[in-house]
Amino acid sequence: MSTTTASRGDAPSRNLATPTLDRESGALLHAISEHGGYAYVSMAALAAGGDIRAAEAAREMAWEQLHSGPWHSVLPVWRDAYSMACLHVARHHYGSGEFKEALRVLDMGIIMGGTLLRKDLDSAIDKVSEQTRSVRVSHLGNSEHRLVDREFDVAEVLKLLPVKSLSSKLVVKKSALSLEKFLKDHYLCASPVVISDCMAHWPAKARWNSLDYLLRVAGDRTVPVEVGKNYLCTEWKQELITFSEFLQRINSDGCSHGGPTYLAQHPLFDQINELRRDIFIPDYCFAGGGELQSLNAWFGPAGTVTPLHHDPHHNILAQVVGKKYIRLYAPSLSEELFPHSGTMLSNSSQVDLDDIDERKFPKVQDLEFVDCILEEGEMLYIPPKWWHYVRSLTTSLSVSFWWSEGETSDAS
């Protein structure tokens, strides 16, 4: 008998409790009908009675609405409608003992759905996950099943990095930097810094280099990944795969048929509570009285690249497993870095640091920058608007913390 699909004959009666859905379904269906979703409402009513075909049909209708235009233009009611349909479908799979399928559908509800039914989705995931904890760890190579277990050859890595890397000015590094010193010497004057000796208390430091652990807590969860060199390339695409498949790709040099696979800028810790409990928000993120804006995962194999770009928020990048090369240019050099035109990519440079077109950008190599190799257990502070290029030098698991300016901040 499968560890994730129960036998039909002797399985106990199973049900997923959905108190928010039970309480809010009437109002939600009314709102959906007011936006023309009469067919959805009909299917949802049948789905609530246990009709799996109607539940799948309702989910497909909501899915079509989610893809009817740009994401920001999708009506929130249709995101909640998608969550509702996912709960109906997952309830059927759970009752049938199809735990992996139930978990996949619930994850889709979290990734694509709205906020109204989030508590129901989270509690359902907790319940289904109890049935899928016995993920068997196999075919992962060595007996310790570590993500990163080999020494680092700086000379070899230098051959892969952009021209002039690590040859001029390095990002200043400070050990166990006090919050007062961080605020005075870096936050207020917008100066990057590498902070060491600040993550020893994170459970993630001891756990995330273990494939066995990651498979146990997240193996059956569905996550969005990027496939291809980077988001500026035409062949780049996104896929939805299980975390176990993602780990298998990492273990086989990180590639699918379309190129490297990267779990990039995804709110993984909102989705998988076990991983969220393994990390802590650094005190530095409360500097200036601002608020945390996003907490994202950046997991991938050696060779994944985030091209030269800037972000609007203060950023702490915490390196939990592996190493990354990072190059930074000051905001004052923005014009010389040739941002893309148009709003979608205006924060990204046209300059490919891995293959600089010297005819189009003859002066780029002369621009001043600072760079570093971010080691395991270190954090890098990147001030707002600082341009940065990032390359994973090994399999790498990083966490980024973005926070906003406080209203009374004197930051420049």
Protein backbone atom coordinates (compact mmCIF):
# COMPACT_ATOMS: atom_id res chain seq x y z
CA MET A 1 0.00 0.00 0.00
CA SER A 2 1.34 3.46 -0.89
CA THR A 3 2.40 5.74 1.95
CA THR A 4 0.42 8.57 0.41
CA THR A 5 -2.71 6.82 -0.87
CA ALA A 6 -4.80 4.85 1.61
CA SER A 7 -6.53 1.59 0.85
CA ARG A 8 -10.15 2.15 -0.14
CA GLY A 9 -11.50 -0.90 1.66
CA ASP A 10 -10.41 -0.23 5.23
CA ALA A 11 -9.85 3.54 5.24
CA PRO A 12 -11.65 5.44 8.01
CA SER A 13 -14.06 8.21 7.14
CA ARG A 14 -12.12 11.40 6.43
CA ASN A 15 -13.20 15.00 6.15
CA LEU A 16 -11.49 18.37 5.93
CA ALA A 17 -12.99 20.99 8.22
CA THR A 18 -13.61 24.30 6.43
CA PRO A 19 -15.25 26.63 9.00
CA THR A 20 -14.50 29.84 7.06
CA LEU A 21 -15.88 28.40 3.83
CA ASP A 22 -18.98 27.15 5.66
CA ARG A 23 -19.55 30.60 7.12
CA GLU A 24 -18.67 32.74 4.09
CA SER A 25 -19.81 30.62 1.13
CA GLY A 26 -23.19 32.32 0.76
CA ALA A 27 -21.75 35.82 0.63
CA LEU A 28 -18.90 34.73 -1.64
CA LEU A 29 -21.22 33.02 -4.13
CA HIS A 30 -23.44 36.11 -4.17
CA ALA A 31 -20.42 38.30 -4.94
CA ILE A 32 -19.34 35.92 -7.71
CA SER A 33 -22.81 36.01 -9.29
CA GLU A 34 -22.72 39.82 -9.21
CA HIS A 35 -19.62 39.62 -11.43
CA GLY A 36 -21.28 37.31 -13.94
CA GLY A 37 -20.18 33.98 -12.48
CA TYR A 38 -23.56 32.27 -12.68
CA ALA A 39 -22.16 29.04 -14.13
CA TYR A 40 -19.51 28.95 -11.43
CA VAL A 41 -22.16 29.37 -8.72
CA SER A 42 -24.15 26.45 -10.14
CA MET A 43 -21.09 24.20 -10.20
CA ALA A 44 -20.00 25.28 -6.72
CA ALA A 45 -23.39 24.38 -5.29
CA LEU A 46 -23.05 20.87 -6.73
CA ALA A 47 -19.43 20.66 -5.56
CA ALA A 48 -20.51 21.46 -1.98
CA GLY A 49 -22.69 18.36 -2.19
CA GLY A 50 -19.73 16.16 -3.09
CA ASP A 51 -19.82 16.25 -6.93
CA ILE A 52 -16.14 16.06 -7.91
CA ARG A 53 -16.83 16.79 -11.58
CA ALA A 54 -18.65 19.98 -10.64
CA ALA A 55 -15.81 20.92 -8.29
CA GLU A 56 -13.23 20.46 -11.06
CA ALA A 57 -15.43 22.44 -13.45
CA ALA A 58 -15.73 25.30 -10.96
CA ARG A 59 -11.97 25.30 -10.44
CA GLU A 60 -11.40 25.47 -14.20
CA MET A 61 -13.84 28.38 -14.54
CA ALA A 62 -12.05 30.31 -11.80
CA TRP A 63 -8.67 29.44 -13.37
CA GLU A 64 -9.79 30.96 -16.65
CA GLN A 65 -10.76 34.16 -14.85
CA LEU A 66 -7.34 34.30 -13.18
CA HIS A 67 -5.76 34.23 -16.63
CA SER A 68 -8.14 36.64 -18.33
CA GLY A 69 -5.66 39.54 -18.18
CA PRO A 70 -2.71 40.95 -16.21
CA TRP A 71 -2.55 39.59 -12.66
CA HIS A 72 -3.09 43.00 -11.06
CA SER A 73 -6.38 43.37 -12.96
CA VAL A 74 -7.91 40.09 -11.72
CA LEU A 75 -10.86 40.73 -9.43
CA PRO A 76 -10.15 39.51 -5.86
CA VAL A 77 -13.48 37.67 -5.81
CA TRP A 78 -12.20 35.30 -8.52
CA ARG A 79 -9.11 34.51 -6.49
CA ASP A 80 -11.38 33.59 -3.58
CA ALA A 81 -13.55 31.58 -5.98
CA TYR A 82 -10.46 29.61 -7.01
CA SER A 83 -9.63 28.90 -3.35
CA MET A 84 -13.19 27.72 -2.75
CA ALA A 85 -13.07 25.30 -5.68
CA CYS A 86 -9.65 24.01 -4.55
CA LEU A 87 -11.08 23.22 -1.11
CA HIS A 88 -13.97 21.28 -2.68
CA VAL A 89 -11.61 19.29 -4.92
CA ALA A 90 -9.13 18.64 -2.10
CA ARG A 91 -11.91 17.44 0.18
CA HIS A 92 -12.79 14.76 -2.37
CA HIS A 93 -9.18 13.61 -2.77
CA TYR A 94 -8.60 13.54 0.98
CA GLY A 95 -11.75 11.53 1.54
CA SER A 96 -10.56 9.06 -1.10
CA GLY A 97 -7.16 8.73 0.53
CA GLU A 98 -5.39 10.54 -2.34
CA PHE A 99 -3.22 12.65 -0.07
CA LYS A 100 -0.59 13.82 -2.52
CA GLU A 101 -3.25 15.02 -4.94
CA ALA A 102 -5.13 16.76 -2.13
CA LEU A 103 -1.93 18.53 -1.08
CA ARG A 104 -1.18 19.63 -4.64
CA VAL A 105 -4.64 21.17 -5.03
CA LEU A 106 -4.44 22.95 -1.67
CA ASP A 107 -1.05 24.42 -2.58
CA MET A 108 -2.53 25.74 -5.81
CA GLY A 109 -5.23 27.38 -3.71
CA ILE A 110 -2.56 29.15 -1.66
CA ILE A 111 -0.36 30.12 -4.62
CA MET A 112 -3.15 31.37 -6.89
CA GLY A 113 -6.08 31.94 -4.57
CA GLY A 114 -7.24 34.84 -2.42
CA THR A 115 -7.02 35.60 1.29
CA LEU A 116 -10.61 34.96 2.42
CA LEU A 117 -10.22 31.19 2.81
CA ARG A 118 -6.52 31.12 3.71
CA LYS A 119 -7.08 29.75 7.24
CA ASP A 120 -9.07 26.84 5.84
CA LEU A 121 -6.36 26.11 3.28
CA ASP A 122 -3.63 26.23 5.95
CA SER A 123 -5.48 23.96 8.37
CA ALA A 124 -6.32 21.52 5.57
CA ILE A 125 -2.67 21.40 4.54
CA ASP A 126 -1.65 20.65 8.13
CA LYS A 127 -4.10 17.78 8.28
CA VAL A 128 -3.18 16.30 4.90
CA SER A 129 0.54 16.71 5.61
CA GLU A 130 0.20 14.42 8.61
CA GLN A 131 -0.58 11.66 6.13
CA THR A 132 2.38 12.40 3.86
CA ARG A 133 5.19 12.73 6.42
CA SER A 134 6.58 9.29 5.60
CA VAL A 135 8.24 10.44 2.38
CA ARG A 136 10.86 7.84 1.53
CA VAL A 137 14.31 9.29 0.91
CA SER A 138 16.02 7.42 -1.91
CA HIS A 139 18.11 7.76 -5.07
CA LEU A 140 19.75 10.95 -3.76
CA GLY A 141 23.40 9.98 -4.07
CA ASN A 142 25.59 9.80 -0.96
CA SER A 143 24.45 8.39 2.36
CA GLU A 144 24.30 11.76 4.16
CA HIS A 145 22.10 13.35 1.48
CA ARG A 146 23.64 16.81 1.85
CA LEU A 147 22.92 19.62 -0.59
CA VAL A 148 26.42 21.11 -0.42
CA ASP A 149 29.29 18.88 0.66
CA ARG A 150 32.30 19.78 -1.46
CA GLU A 151 35.03 22.35 -0.94
CA PHE A 152 35.07 25.59 -2.83
CA ASP A 153 37.74 26.33 -5.49
CA VAL A 154 38.01 30.12 -5.77
CA ALA A 155 40.37 29.94 -8.76
CA GLU A 156 37.88 27.87 -10.74
CA VAL A 157 34.96 30.10 -9.77
CA LEU A 158 36.78 33.26 -10.86
CA LYS A 159 36.74 31.92 -14.42
CA LEU A 160 32.93 32.00 -14.34
CA LEU A 161 32.46 35.47 -12.86
CA PRO A 162 32.09 38.78 -14.71
CA VAL A 163 35.25 40.62 -15.73
CA LYS A 164 37.17 42.32 -12.87
CA SER A 165 35.33 40.38 -10.16
CA LEU A 166 36.92 40.46 -6.69
CA SER A 167 39.78 42.58 -8.04
CA SER A 168 39.00 46.01 -6.67
CA LYS A 169 36.81 47.12 -3.75
CA LEU A 170 35.09 44.48 -1.62
CA VAL A 171 31.91 45.07 0.37
CA VAL A 172 32.94 45.86 3.94
CA LYS A 173 32.38 42.95 6.34
CA LYS A 174 31.54 43.33 10.04
CA SER A 175 31.02 40.68 12.70
CA ALA A 176 27.90 40.68 14.89
CA LEU A 177 27.15 44.28 13.96
CA SER A 178 25.09 46.10 16.59
CA LEU A 179 21.76 47.60 15.57
CA GLU A 180 23.01 51.05 16.58
CA LYS A 181 26.12 50.73 14.39
CA PHE A 182 24.06 49.32 11.52
CA LEU A 183 21.66 52.26 11.68
CA LYS A 184 24.40 54.90 11.93
CA ASP A 185 27.04 53.50 9.56
CA HIS A 186 24.95 51.74 6.90
CA TYR A 187 21.19 52.33 6.99
CA LEU A 188 21.26 56.12 7.25
CA CYS A 189 24.03 56.55 4.69
CA ALA A 190 22.83 53.78 2.32
CA SER A 191 26.07 51.80 2.51
CA PRO A 192 26.12 48.03 1.81
CA VAL A 193 27.64 45.73 4.43
CA VAL A 194 28.22 42.01 4.92
CA ILE A 195 27.29 40.95 8.46
CA SER A 196 28.81 37.75 9.83
CA ASP A 197 28.10 35.82 13.05
CA CYS A 198 24.41 36.70 13.11
CA MET A 199 22.59 33.49 12.12
CA ALA A 200 24.00 30.82 14.42
CA HIS A 201 20.69 30.62 16.32
CA TRP A 202 18.65 29.86 13.18
CA PRO A 203 17.44 26.22 13.08
CA ALA A 204 17.77 26.52 9.28
CA LYS A 205 21.56 26.63 9.65
CA ALA A 206 21.57 23.07 10.99
CA ARG A 207 18.68 21.70 8.91
CA TRP A 208 18.56 23.08 5.39
CA ASN A 209 21.69 21.38 4.09
CA SER A 210 19.91 18.06 4.64
CA LEU A 211 17.94 16.69 1.70
CA ASP A 212 16.26 14.26 4.07
CA TYR A 213 14.90 17.11 6.18
CA LEU A 214 13.73 19.19 3.22
CA LEU A 215 11.99 16.18 1.69
CA ARG A 216 10.30 15.32 4.97
CA VAL A 217 8.85 18.78 5.61
CA ALA A 218 8.22 19.94 2.04
CA GLY A 219 8.69 17.09 -0.45
CA ASP A 220 5.07 16.83 -1.60
CA ARG A 221 4.39 20.56 -1.67
CA THR A 222 3.86 22.30 -5.03
CA VAL A 223 6.02 25.36 -5.73
CA PRO A 224 6.54 27.75 -8.67
CA VAL A 225 10.01 27.65 -10.25
CA GLU A 226 11.80 29.51 -13.02
CA VAL A 227 13.44 27.54 -15.82
CA GLY A 228 16.07 29.11 -18.07
CA LYS A 229 19.08 31.40 -17.78
CA ASN A 230 17.18 34.34 -16.25
CA TYR A 231 13.97 36.35 -16.59
CA LEU A 232 15.39 38.61 -19.32
CA CYS A 233 15.94 35.69 -21.74
CA THR A 234 13.29 34.73 -24.29
CA GLU A 235 13.47 31.01 -23.44
CA TRP A 236 12.78 31.68 -19.74
CA LYS A 237 9.56 30.16 -18.39
CA GLN A 238 7.81 29.24 -15.16
CA GLU A 239 6.61 25.82 -14.00
CA LEU A 240 4.71 24.35 -11.07
CA ILE A 241 6.45 21.26 -9.68
CA THR A 242 6.69 19.44 -6.36
CA PHE A 243 9.50 20.42 -4.02
CA SER A 244 10.85 16.86 -4.24
CA GLU A 245 11.14 17.19 -8.03
CA PHE A 246 12.86 20.53 -7.55
CA LEU A 247 15.38 18.91 -5.18
CA GLN A 248 15.98 16.11 -7.67
CA ARG A 249 16.81 18.69 -10.35
CA ILE A 250 19.23 20.40 -7.97
CA ASN A 251 20.84 17.06 -7.18
CA SER A 252 21.32 16.40 -10.90
CA ASP A 253 23.17 19.69 -11.52
CA GLY A 254 20.01 21.76 -11.34
CA CYS A 255 18.86 21.42 -14.93
CA SER A 256 15.71 20.39 -16.73
CA HIS A 257 15.49 20.23 -20.51
CA GLY A 258 14.94 24.01 -20.54
CA GLY A 259 17.94 25.03 -18.44
CA PRO A 260 18.61 25.70 -14.74
CA THR A 261 15.67 25.48 -12.36
CA TYR A 262 15.43 28.24 -9.75
CA LEU A 263 12.92 28.80 -6.96
CA ALA A 264 13.26 32.58 -7.02
CA GLN A 265 11.51 35.38 -5.11
CA HIS A 266 8.74 33.11 -3.88
CA PRO A 267 6.99 33.62 -0.50
CA LEU A 268 7.75 30.00 0.40
CA PHE A 269 7.59 30.70 4.11
CA ASP A 270 3.99 31.88 3.91
CA GLN A 271 3.25 28.57 2.26
CA ILE A 272 5.29 26.06 4.30
CA ASN A 273 5.10 26.78 8.02
CA GLU A 274 7.81 24.29 8.98
CA LEU A 275 10.41 26.20 6.97
CA ARG A 276 9.18 29.53 8.35
CA ARG A 277 9.85 28.32 11.88
CA ASP A 278 13.47 27.64 10.89
CA ILE A 279 14.32 31.32 10.38
CA PHE A 280 14.03 34.60 12.26
CA ILE A 281 13.51 38.15 11.02
CA PRO A 282 16.81 39.98 11.67
CA ASP A 283 16.60 42.93 14.05
CA TYR A 284 18.18 45.05 11.31
CA CYS A 285 14.89 44.85 9.42
CA PHE A 286 13.27 47.08 12.04
CA ALA A 287 15.82 49.86 11.54
CA GLY A 288 14.25 53.20 10.73
CA GLY A 289 10.83 52.19 12.04
CA GLY A 290 9.71 50.64 8.76
CA GLU A 291 7.66 47.51 8.13
CA LEU A 292 8.60 44.18 6.59
CA GLN A 293 7.25 44.10 3.04
CA SER A 294 8.17 40.62 1.87
CA LEU A 295 10.02 37.50 2.93
CA ASN A 296 11.17 35.40 -0.02
CA ALA A 297 13.11 32.24 -0.80
CA TRP A 298 15.88 31.96 -3.37
CA PHE A 299 16.75 28.28 -3.79
CA GLY A 300 18.74 26.92 -6.72
CA PRO A 301 21.79 25.13 -8.10
CA ALA A 302 25.21 26.53 -8.87
CA GLY A 303 25.13 28.84 -11.88
CA THR A 304 21.72 30.45 -11.34
CA VAL A 305 21.91 34.18 -12.06
CA THR A 306 19.79 37.15 -11.13
CA PRO A 307 20.77 39.80 -13.70
CA LEU A 308 21.74 43.37 -12.81
CA HIS A 309 18.72 45.18 -11.33
CA HIS A 310 17.63 47.30 -8.37
CA ASP A 311 14.77 47.06 -5.87
CA PRO A 312 12.71 49.76 -4.12
CA HIS A 313 13.14 48.49 -0.56
CA HIS A 314 15.83 47.91 2.03
CA ASN A 315 17.03 44.33 1.68
CA ILE A 316 18.81 41.85 3.92
CA LEU A 317 19.92 38.77 1.93
CA ALA A 318 20.68 35.91 4.32
CA GLN A 319 22.82 33.06 2.98
CA VAL A 320 21.73 29.86 4.73
CA VAL A 321 23.31 27.16 2.55
CA GLY A 322 26.09 27.55 -0.02
CA LYS A 323 27.78 30.65 -1.44
CA LYS A 324 26.89 33.48 -3.81
CA TYR A 325 28.83 36.11 -5.71
CA ILE A 326 27.21 39.56 -5.56
CA ARG A 327 28.23 42.77 -7.34
CA LEU A 328 26.73 46.17 -6.46
CA TYR A 329 26.67 49.56 -8.22
CA ALA A 330 25.55 52.79 -6.56
CA PRO A 331 22.22 54.39 -7.59
CA SER A 332 24.16 57.37 -8.96
CA LEU A 333 25.32 55.14 -11.83
CA SER A 334 21.81 54.30 -13.04
CA GLU A 335 22.04 56.09 -16.38
CA GLU A 336 25.40 54.46 -17.16
CA LEU A 337 23.84 51.03 -16.55
CA PHE A 338 21.18 51.53 -19.25
CA PRO A 339 17.88 50.50 -17.64
CA HIS A 340 15.33 48.89 -19.91
CA SER A 341 12.61 51.19 -21.17
CA GLY A 342 9.02 50.51 -20.15
CA THR A 343 7.62 50.02 -16.67
CA MET A 344 7.89 46.21 -16.48
CA LEU A 345 11.70 46.05 -16.71
CA SER A 346 12.70 49.60 -15.82
CA ASN A 347 14.52 48.31 -12.73
CA SER A 348 16.67 45.93 -14.84
CA SER A 349 19.83 46.81 -16.76
CA GLN A 350 20.34 46.08 -20.44
CA VAL A 351 23.95 45.22 -19.59
CA ASP A 352 24.64 41.48 -19.37
CA LEU A 353 27.60 41.34 -17.02
CA ASP A 354 28.34 37.77 -18.11
CA ASP A 355 28.74 38.87 -21.73
CA ILE A 356 29.15 42.64 -21.99
CA ASP A 357 28.55 44.09 -25.45
CA GLU A 358 31.46 46.54 -25.55
CA ARG A 359 30.18 48.21 -28.70
CA LYS A 360 26.87 49.15 -27.06
CA PHE A 361 28.24 49.73 -23.55
CA PRO A 362 31.92 50.70 -23.95
CA LYS A 363 32.26 52.39 -20.54
CA VAL A 364 30.52 49.85 -18.33
CA GLN A 365 33.70 47.99 -17.42
CA ASP A 366 35.17 51.22 -16.07
CA LEU A 367 32.31 51.89 -13.65
CA GLU A 368 33.08 51.61 -9.94
CA PHE A 369 31.46 48.76 -8.04
CA VAL A 370 31.83 46.73 -4.85
CA ASP A 371 31.47 42.97 -4.70
CA CYS A 372 31.78 39.98 -2.40
CA ILE A 373 31.38 36.26 -2.00
CA LEU A 374 28.54 35.86 0.49
CA GLU A 375 29.45 32.91 2.66
CA GLU A 376 27.17 30.50 4.45
CA GLY A 377 25.88 32.13 7.64
CA GLU A 378 26.38 35.71 6.42
CA MET A 379 23.90 38.47 5.60
CA LEU A 380 24.27 41.25 3.04
CA TYR A 381 22.51 44.59 3.45
CA ILE A 382 21.53 46.07 0.06
CA PRO A 383 20.14 49.62 0.35
CA PRO A 384 17.21 50.73 -1.86
CA LYS A 385 18.01 51.44 -5.51
CA TRP A 386 21.47 49.87 -5.38
CA TRP A 387 22.02 47.84 -8.54
CA HIS A 388 23.01 44.24 -7.89
CA TYR A 389 23.96 41.15 -9.85
CA VAL A 390 23.83 37.74 -8.11
CA ARG A 391 25.33 34.38 -9.12
CA SER A 392 25.09 31.15 -7.12
CA LEU A 393 28.54 29.58 -6.82
CA THR A 394 27.24 26.37 -5.27
CA THR A 395 23.80 24.97 -4.62
CA SER A 396 22.37 27.85 -2.66
CA LEU A 397 19.50 28.48 -0.24
CA SER A 398 19.00 32.17 0.59
CA VAL A 399 16.29 34.27 2.23
CA SER A 400 15.59 37.92 1.44
CA PHE A 401 13.92 40.34 3.83
CA TRP A 402 12.53 43.53 2.26
CA TRP A 403 11.40 46.36 4.48
CA SER A 404 10.14 49.87 3.89
CA GLU A 405 11.26 53.26 5.11
CA GLY A 406 9.75 54.47 8.37
CA GLU A 407 7.71 57.66 8.12
CA THR A 408 10.13 59.51 10.38
CA SER A 409 13.30 57.95 8.96
CA ASP A 410 16.14 60.28 8.08
CA ALA A 411 17.59 57.76 5.63
CA SER A 412 18.99 59.26 2.47
